[in-house]
Amino acid sequence: MKAYLLIETRPGTSEDVVKGIRMRFENVLHADSVYGRHDVIVVLEAPDLETLNDFVYKVIEKDPNIVHTETAITLF
């Protein structure tokens, strides 16, 4: 299963968030700081929805520099 995580961070912290994400989850394909509505976009692969859920709620949501997230799971 592949998913895109769209992340908004506190001002000036997007690079720290990207580094932390890359270090904490081996299934991250890409994690990049971007300009626009979101500050970070993460592309990851997970074997199942439970693993994806654990990543979002146990890793992403616990980062104090992350303000908001949206997750888009691919259909195929």
Protein backbone atom coordinates (compact mmCIF):
# COMPACT_ATOMS: atom_id res chain seq x y z
CA MET A 1 0.00 0.00 0.00
CA LYS A 2 1.32 3.40 -0.97
CA ALA A 3 0.35 6.68 0.68
CA TYR A 4 1.10 10.38 0.44
CA LEU A 5 1.27 12.38 3.67
CA LEU A 6 0.76 16.12 3.34
CA ILE A 7 2.13 17.87 6.39
CA GLU A 8 1.96 21.42 7.73
CA THR A 9 4.70 22.33 10.20
CA ARG A 10 5.49 25.16 12.55
CA PRO A 11 7.37 27.94 10.74
CA GLY A 12 11.02 27.14 10.11
CA THR A 13 10.84 23.47 11.14
CA SER A 14 10.11 21.62 7.90
CA GLU A 15 13.70 20.42 7.38
CA ASP A 16 13.86 19.08 10.95
CA VAL A 17 10.57 17.25 10.40
CA VAL A 18 11.87 15.72 7.15
CA LYS A 19 15.08 14.51 8.82
CA GLY A 20 13.14 12.99 11.69
CA ILE A 21 10.76 11.18 9.37
CA ARG A 22 13.58 9.74 7.27
CA MET A 23 15.31 8.41 10.39
CA ARG A 24 12.26 6.84 12.04
CA PHE A 25 10.60 4.84 9.28
CA GLU A 26 12.37 2.61 6.79
CA ASN A 27 9.42 2.47 4.38
CA VAL A 28 9.62 6.16 3.48
CA LEU A 29 10.28 6.43 -0.26
CA HIS A 30 10.54 10.23 -0.29
CA ALA A 31 10.27 12.97 2.29
CA ASP A 32 10.74 16.52 1.04
CA SER A 33 10.20 20.08 2.18
CA VAL A 34 8.07 21.94 -0.34
CA TYR A 35 6.67 25.41 -0.94
CA GLY A 36 2.93 25.84 -1.06
CA ARG A 37 -0.06 24.95 1.09
CA HIS A 38 1.83 22.09 2.74
CA ASP A 39 5.38 22.20 4.09
CA VAL A 40 6.36 18.54 3.76
CA ILE A 41 5.25 15.76 1.45
CA VAL A 42 6.05 12.17 2.36
CA VAL A 43 5.62 9.17 0.07
CA LEU A 44 5.70 5.82 1.80
CA GLU A 45 4.89 2.19 1.34
CA ALA A 46 3.38 0.11 4.09
CA PRO A 47 2.41 -3.57 4.02
CA ASP A 48 -1.03 -2.85 5.47
CA LEU A 49 -3.34 -0.20 6.87
CA GLU A 50 -2.35 -0.97 10.47
CA THR A 51 1.32 -0.20 9.76
CA LEU A 52 0.35 3.03 8.01
CA ASN A 53 -1.90 3.96 10.91
CA ASP A 54 0.88 3.30 13.42
CA PHE A 55 3.23 5.53 11.45
CA VAL A 56 0.78 8.40 11.23
CA TYR A 57 -0.41 8.30 14.84
CA LYS A 58 2.70 7.12 16.68
CA VAL A 59 5.44 8.85 14.70
CA ILE A 60 3.97 11.78 12.80
CA GLU A 61 1.38 13.07 15.25
CA LYS A 62 3.82 13.00 18.19
CA ASP A 63 6.20 15.46 16.55
CA PRO A 64 5.58 18.83 18.24
CA ASN A 65 6.59 20.67 15.06
CA ILE A 66 3.76 19.12 13.04
CA VAL A 67 0.60 21.20 13.07
CA HIS A 68 -1.68 19.30 10.64
CA THR A 69 -1.59 16.25 8.39
CA GLU A 70 -3.62 14.82 5.54
CA THR A 71 -3.14 11.27 4.32
CA ALA A 72 -3.95 10.15 0.77
CA ILE A 73 -3.88 6.39 0.27
CA THR A 74 -3.50 5.20 -3.32
CA LEU A 75 -6.16 2.96 -4.81
CA PHE A 76 -3.82 0.38 -6.34
